[in-house]
Amino acid sequence: TVLDVSPPALTRRGAAVRRAAELAVMTG
């Protein structure tokens, strides 16, 4: 299920972990 078609860059330390937490509550 596509959650985001324009996702933010994951360049900073910890960005991937924070992004995973955001995606966990996104419904599509």
PDB file of all heavy atoms in Angstrom:
ATOM      1  N   THR A   1       0.862  -1.170   0.000  1.00  0.00           N
ATOM      2  CA  THR A   1       0.000   0.000   0.000  1.00  0.00           C
ATOM      3  C   THR A   1       0.899   1.221   0.000  1.00  0.00           C
ATOM      4  O   THR A   1       1.785   1.343   0.851  1.00  0.00           O
ATOM      5  CB  THR A   1      -0.910   0.023   1.242  1.00  0.00           C
ATOM      6  OG1 THR A   1      -1.777  -1.115   1.219  1.00  0.00           O
ATOM      7  CG2 THR A   1      -1.755   1.292   1.266  1.00  0.00           C
ATOM      8  N   VAL A   2       0.683   2.105  -0.944  1.00  0.00           N
ATOM      9  CA  VAL A   2       1.511   3.302  -1.047  1.00  0.00           C
ATOM     10  C   VAL A   2       1.102   4.277   0.060  1.00  0.00           C
ATOM     11  O   VAL A   2      -0.060   4.679   0.152  1.00  0.00           O
ATOM     12  CB  VAL A   2       1.354   3.964  -2.428  1.00  0.00           C
ATOM     13  CG1 VAL A   2       2.155   5.258  -2.488  1.00  0.00           C
ATOM     14  CG2 VAL A   2       1.818   3.013  -3.519  1.00  0.00           C
ATOM     15  N   LEU A   3       2.068   4.648   0.903  1.00  0.00           N
ATOM     16  CA  LEU A   3       1.825   5.577   2.011  1.00  0.00           C
ATOM     17  C   LEU A   3       2.246   6.995   1.679  1.00  0.00           C
ATOM     18  O   LEU A   3       1.651   7.957   2.164  1.00  0.00           O
ATOM     19  CB  LEU A   3       2.575   5.109   3.268  1.00  0.00           C
ATOM     20  CG  LEU A   3       2.237   3.714   3.786  1.00  0.00           C
ATOM     21  CD1 LEU A   3       3.102   3.381   4.997  1.00  0.00           C
ATOM     22  CD2 LEU A   3       0.764   3.607   4.145  1.00  0.00           C
ATOM     23  N   ASP A   4       3.294   7.148   0.873  1.00  0.00           N
ATOM     24  CA  ASP A   4       3.817   8.486   0.581  1.00  0.00           C
ATOM     25  C   ASP A   4       4.508   8.459  -0.776  1.00  0.00           C
ATOM     26  O   ASP A   4       5.383   7.618  -1.008  1.00  0.00           O
ATOM     27  CB  ASP A   4       4.814   8.915   1.667  1.00  0.00           C
ATOM     28  CG  ASP A   4       5.100  10.408   1.659  1.00  0.00           C
ATOM     29  OD1 ASP A   4       4.871  11.055   0.623  1.00  0.00           O
ATOM     30  OD2 ASP A   4       5.564  10.936   2.688  1.00  0.00           O
ATOM     31  N   VAL A   5       4.109   9.375  -1.667  1.00  0.00           N
ATOM     32  CA  VAL A   5       4.720   9.447  -2.992  1.00  0.00           C
ATOM     33  C   VAL A   5       5.728  10.588  -3.089  1.00  0.00           C
ATOM     34  O   VAL A   5       6.319  10.816  -4.136  1.00  0.00           O
ATOM     35  CB  VAL A   5       3.650   9.591  -4.097  1.00  0.00           C
ATOM     36  CG1 VAL A   5       2.792   8.347  -4.182  1.00  0.00           C
ATOM     37  CG2 VAL A   5       2.785  10.827  -3.860  1.00  0.00           C
ATOM     38  N   SER A   6       5.930  11.299  -1.995  1.00  0.00           N
ATOM     39  CA  SER A   6       6.932  12.370  -1.946  1.00  0.00           C
ATOM     40  C   SER A   6       7.573  12.374  -0.562  1.00  0.00           C
ATOM     41  O   SER A   6       7.414  13.322   0.213  1.00  0.00           O
ATOM     42  CB  SER A   6       6.287  13.727  -2.257  1.00  0.00           C
ATOM     43  OG  SER A   6       7.262  14.747  -2.257  1.00  0.00           O
ATOM     44  N   PRO A   7       8.292  11.301  -0.235  1.00  0.00           N
ATOM     45  CA  PRO A   7       8.809  11.155   1.127  1.00  0.00           C
ATOM     46  C   PRO A   7      10.019  12.047   1.386  1.00  0.00           C
ATOM     47  O   PRO A   7      10.725  12.443   0.456  1.00  0.00           O
ATOM     48  CB  PRO A   7       9.195   9.673   1.196  1.00  0.00           C
ATOM     49  CG  PRO A   7       9.541   9.313  -0.209  1.00  0.00           C
ATOM     50  CD  PRO A   7       8.623  10.132  -1.074  1.00  0.00           C
ATOM     51  N   PRO A   8      10.290  12.342   2.658  1.00  0.00           N
ATOM     52  CA  PRO A   8      11.439  13.191   2.995  1.00  0.00           C
ATOM     53  C   PRO A   8      12.751  12.435   2.853  1.00  0.00           C
ATOM     54  O   PRO A   8      12.790  11.196   2.921  1.00  0.00           O
ATOM     55  CB  PRO A   8      11.180  13.561   4.456  1.00  0.00           C
ATOM     56  CG  PRO A   8      10.380  12.407   4.993  1.00  0.00           C
ATOM     57  CD  PRO A   8       9.516  11.956   3.848  1.00  0.00           C
ATOM     58  N   ALA A   9      13.832  13.177   2.638  1.00  0.00           N
ATOM     59  CA  ALA A   9      15.162  12.564   2.572  1.00  0.00           C
ATOM     60  C   ALA A   9      15.538  12.003   3.942  1.00  0.00           C
ATOM     61  O   ALA A   9      15.126  12.527   4.983  1.00  0.00           O
ATOM     62  CB  ALA A   9      16.186  13.601   2.122  1.00  0.00           C
ATOM     63  N   LEU A  10      16.320  10.937   3.940  1.00  0.00           N
ATOM     64  CA  LEU A  10      16.769  10.300   5.186  1.00  0.00           C
ATOM     65  C   LEU A  10      18.280  10.454   5.295  1.00  0.00           C
ATOM     66  O   LEU A  10      19.030   9.480   5.222  1.00  0.00           O
ATOM     67  CB  LEU A  10      16.361   8.825   5.211  1.00  0.00           C
ATOM     68  CG  LEU A  10      14.863   8.543   5.056  1.00  0.00           C
ATOM     69  CD1 LEU A  10      14.603   7.049   5.033  1.00  0.00           C
ATOM     70  CD2 LEU A  10      14.063   9.221   6.161  1.00  0.00           C
ATOM     71  N   THR A  11      18.728  11.681   5.446  1.00  0.00           N
ATOM     72  CA  THR A  11      20.163  11.957   5.418  1.00  0.00           C
ATOM     73  C   THR A  11      20.754  12.180   6.807  1.00  0.00           C
ATOM     74  O   THR A  11      21.939  11.963   7.017  1.00  0.00           O
ATOM     75  CB  THR A  11      20.448  13.187   4.545  1.00  0.00           C
ATOM     76  OG1 THR A  11      19.640  14.277   4.993  1.00  0.00           O
ATOM     77  CG2 THR A  11      20.110  12.889   3.088  1.00  0.00           C
ATOM     78  N   ARG A  12      19.930  12.636   7.746  1.00  0.00           N
ATOM     79  CA  ARG A  12      20.460  12.931   9.072  1.00  0.00           C
ATOM     80  C   ARG A  12      20.449  11.693   9.956  1.00  0.00           C
ATOM     81  O   ARG A  12      19.680  10.766   9.732  1.00  0.00           O
ATOM     82  CB  ARG A  12      19.649  14.046   9.729  1.00  0.00           C
ATOM     83  CG  ARG A  12      19.757  15.382   9.000  1.00  0.00           C
ATOM     84  CD  ARG A  12      19.044  16.470   9.764  1.00  0.00           C
ATOM     85  NE  ARG A  12      19.196  17.758   9.124  1.00  0.00           N
ATOM     86  CZ  ARG A  12      18.686  18.891   9.593  1.00  0.00           C
ATOM     87  NH1 ARG A  12      17.992  18.883  10.728  1.00  0.00           N
ATOM     88  NH2 ARG A  12      18.875  20.024   8.942  1.00  0.00           N
ATOM     89  N   ARG A  13      21.317  11.710  10.959  1.00  0.00           N
ATOM     90  CA  ARG A  13      21.377  10.593  11.900  1.00  0.00           C
ATOM     91  C   ARG A  13      20.020  10.406  12.581  1.00  0.00           C
ATOM     92  O   ARG A  13      19.425  11.361  13.086  1.00  0.00           O
ATOM     93  CB  ARG A  13      22.453  10.855  12.951  1.00  0.00           C
ATOM     94  CG  ARG A  13      22.645   9.699  13.939  1.00  0.00           C
ATOM     95  CD  ARG A  13      23.635  10.095  15.015  1.00  0.00           C
ATOM     96  NE  ARG A  13      24.964  10.330  14.451  1.00  0.00           N
ATOM     97  CZ  ARG A  13      25.877   9.367  14.279  1.00  0.00           C
ATOM     98  NH1 ARG A  13      25.584   8.124  14.603  1.00  0.00           N
ATOM     99  NH2 ARG A  13      27.058   9.658  13.771  1.00  0.00           N
ATOM    100  N   GLY A  14      19.540   9.187  12.596  1.00  0.00           N
ATOM    101  CA  GLY A  14      18.273   8.876  13.243  1.00  0.00           C
ATOM    102  C   GLY A  14      17.046   9.141  12.395  1.00  0.00           C
ATOM    103  O   GLY A  14      15.923   8.879  12.828  1.00  0.00           O
ATOM    104  N   ALA A  15      17.244   9.656  11.156  1.00  0.00           N
ATOM    105  CA  ALA A  15      16.090   9.995  10.318  1.00  0.00           C
ATOM    106  C   ALA A  15      15.279   8.758   9.944  1.00  0.00           C
ATOM    107  O   ALA A  15      14.046   8.801   9.902  1.00  0.00           O
ATOM    108  CB  ALA A  15      16.553  10.729   9.063  1.00  0.00           C
ATOM    109  N   ALA A  16      15.951   7.648   9.664  1.00  0.00           N
ATOM    110  CA  ALA A  16      15.241   6.424   9.270  1.00  0.00           C
ATOM    111  C   ALA A  16      14.381   5.890  10.406  1.00  0.00           C
ATOM    112  O   ALA A  16      13.249   5.423  10.180  1.00  0.00           O
ATOM    113  CB  ALA A  16      16.238   5.371   8.811  1.00  0.00           C
ATOM    114  N   VAL A  17      14.894   5.973  11.627  1.00  0.00           N
ATOM    115  CA  VAL A  17      14.127   5.496  12.784  1.00  0.00           C
ATOM    116  C   VAL A  17      12.887   6.365  12.988  1.00  0.00           C
ATOM    117  O   VAL A  17      11.784   5.863  13.233  1.00  0.00           O
ATOM    118  CB  VAL A  17      15.008   5.494  14.052  1.00  0.00           C
ATOM    119  CG1 VAL A  17      14.172   5.150  15.285  1.00  0.00           C
ATOM    120  CG2 VAL A  17      16.153   4.513  13.897  1.00  0.00           C
ATOM    121  N   ARG A  18      13.073   7.678  12.881  1.00  0.00           N
ATOM    122  CA  ARG A  18      11.929   8.583  13.036  1.00  0.00           C
ATOM    123  C   ARG A  18      10.902   8.360  11.925  1.00  0.00           C
ATOM    124  O   ARG A  18       9.689   8.404  12.159  1.00  0.00           O
ATOM    125  CB  ARG A  18      12.407  10.032  13.039  1.00  0.00           C
ATOM    126  CG  ARG A  18      13.203  10.419  14.284  1.00  0.00           C
ATOM    127  CD  ARG A  18      13.430  11.909  14.351  1.00  0.00           C
ATOM    128  NE  ARG A  18      14.286  12.384  13.264  1.00  0.00           N
ATOM    129  CZ  ARG A  18      15.620  12.413  13.324  1.00  0.00           C
ATOM    130  NH1 ARG A  18      16.248  11.989  14.416  1.00  0.00           N
ATOM    131  NH2 ARG A  18      16.324  12.875  12.312  1.00  0.00           N
ATOM    132  N   ARG A  19      11.399   8.125  10.729  1.00  0.00           N
ATOM    133  CA  ARG A  19      10.496   7.892   9.605  1.00  0.00           C
ATOM    134  C   ARG A  19       9.703   6.600   9.796  1.00  0.00           C
ATOM    135  O   ARG A  19       8.511   6.539   9.486  1.00  0.00           O
ATOM    136  CB  ARG A  19      11.278   7.843   8.300  1.00  0.00           C
ATOM    137  CG  ARG A  19      10.419   7.681   7.050  1.00  0.00           C
ATOM    138  CD  ARG A  19       9.410   8.804   6.919  1.00  0.00           C
ATOM    139  NE  ARG A  19       8.653   8.716   5.681  1.00  0.00           N
ATOM    140  CZ  ARG A  19       7.566   9.423   5.417  1.00  0.00           C
ATOM    141  NH1 ARG A  19       7.086  10.262   6.313  1.00  0.00           N
ATOM    142  NH2 ARG A  19       6.938   9.287   4.258  1.00  0.00           N
ATOM    143  N   ALA A  20      10.335   5.565  10.298  1.00  0.00           N
ATOM    144  CA  ALA A  20       9.642   4.299  10.562  1.00  0.00           C
ATOM    145  C   ALA A  20       8.503   4.510  11.548  1.00  0.00           C
ATOM    146  O   ALA A  20       7.412   3.933  11.396  1.00  0.00           O
ATOM    147  CB  ALA A  20      10.626   3.259  11.080  1.00  0.00           C
ATOM    148  N   ALA A  21       8.739   5.350  12.572  1.00  0.00           N
ATOM    149  CA  ALA A  21       7.689   5.638  13.546  1.00  0.00           C
ATOM    150  C   ALA A  21       6.531   6.387  12.901  1.00  0.00           C
ATOM    151  O   ALA A  21       5.357   6.131  13.206  1.00  0.00           O
ATOM    152  CB  ALA A  21       8.268   6.444  14.704  1.00  0.00           C
ATOM    153  N   GLU A  22       6.840   7.315  11.984  1.00  0.00           N
ATOM    154  CA  GLU A  22       5.778   8.027  11.276  1.00  0.00           C
ATOM    155  C   GLU A  22       4.958   7.071  10.411  1.00  0.00           C
ATOM    156  O   GLU A  22       3.726   7.118  10.401  1.00  0.00           O
ATOM    157  CB  GLU A  22       6.373   9.119  10.389  1.00  0.00           C
ATOM    158  CG  GLU A  22       6.940  10.307  11.124  1.00  0.00           C
ATOM    159  CD  GLU A  22       7.550  11.334  10.181  1.00  0.00           C
ATOM    160  OE1 GLU A  22       7.779  10.994   8.997  1.00  0.00           O
ATOM    161  OE2 GLU A  22       7.800  12.458  10.629  1.00  0.00           O
ATOM    162  N   LEU A  23       5.651   6.211   9.674  1.00  0.00           N
ATOM    163  CA  LEU A  23       4.957   5.290   8.764  1.00  0.00           C
ATOM    164  C   LEU A  23       4.093   4.295   9.523  1.00  0.00           C
ATOM    165  O   LEU A  23       3.073   3.822   8.998  1.00  0.00           O
ATOM    166  CB  LEU A  23       5.972   4.550   7.900  1.00  0.00           C
ATOM    167  CG  LEU A  23       6.769   5.402   6.911  1.00  0.00           C
ATOM    168  CD1 LEU A  23       7.824   4.549   6.209  1.00  0.00           C
ATOM    169  CD2 LEU A  23       5.857   6.052   5.878  1.00  0.00           C
ATOM    170  N   ALA A  24       4.483   3.959  10.747  1.00  0.00           N
ATOM    171  CA  ALA A  24       3.748   2.964  11.520  1.00  0.00           C
ATOM    172  C   ALA A  24       2.306   3.386  11.769  1.00  0.00           C
ATOM    173  O   ALA A  24       1.419   2.532  11.910  1.00  0.00           O
ATOM    174  CB  ALA A  24       4.459   2.707  12.846  1.00  0.00           C
ATOM    175  N   VAL A  25       2.043   4.687  11.819  1.00  0.00           N
ATOM    176  CA  VAL A  25       0.683   5.159  12.104  1.00  0.00           C
ATOM    177  C   VAL A  25      -0.024   5.669  10.850  1.00  0.00           C
ATOM    178  O   VAL A  25      -1.170   6.109  10.928  1.00  0.00           O
ATOM    179  CB  VAL A  25       0.706   6.266  13.181  1.00  0.00           C
ATOM    180  CG1 VAL A  25       1.254   5.723  14.488  1.00  0.00           C
ATOM    181  CG2 VAL A  25       1.532   7.465  12.725  1.00  0.00           C
ATOM    182  N   MET A  26       0.634   5.621   9.701  1.00  0.00           N
ATOM    183  CA  MET A  26      -0.007   6.052   8.459  1.00  0.00           C
ATOM    184  C   MET A  26      -0.859   4.924   7.898  1.00  0.00           C
ATOM    185  O   MET A  26      -0.457   3.758   7.918  1.00  0.00           O
ATOM    186  CB  MET A  26       1.051   6.512   7.451  1.00  0.00           C
ATOM    187  CG  MET A  26       1.761   7.788   7.886  1.00  0.00           C
ATOM    188  SD  MET A  26       3.229   8.232   6.914  1.00  0.00           S
ATOM    189  CE  MET A  26       2.492   8.647   5.341  1.00  0.00           C
ATOM    190  N   THR A  27      -2.039   5.275   7.418  1.00  0.00           N
ATOM    191  CA  THR A  27      -3.014   4.261   7.016  1.00  0.00           C
ATOM    192  C   THR A  27      -3.045   3.989   5.518  1.00  0.00           C
ATOM    193  O   THR A  27      -3.619   2.992   5.093  1.00  0.00           O
ATOM    194  CB  THR A  27      -4.421   4.700   7.452  1.00  0.00           C
ATOM    195  OG1 THR A  27      -4.751   5.917   6.757  1.00  0.00           O
ATOM    196  CG2 THR A  27      -4.475   4.948   8.956  1.00  0.00           C
ATOM    197  N   GLY A  28      -2.489   4.894   4.721  1.00  0.00           N
ATOM    198  CA  GLY A  28      -2.634   4.752   3.280  1.00  0.00           C
ATOM    199  C   GLY A  28      -3.928   5.340   2.775  1.00  0.00           C
ATOM    200  O   GLY A  28      -4.252   5.218   1.584  1.00  0.00           O
TER     201      GLY A  28
END
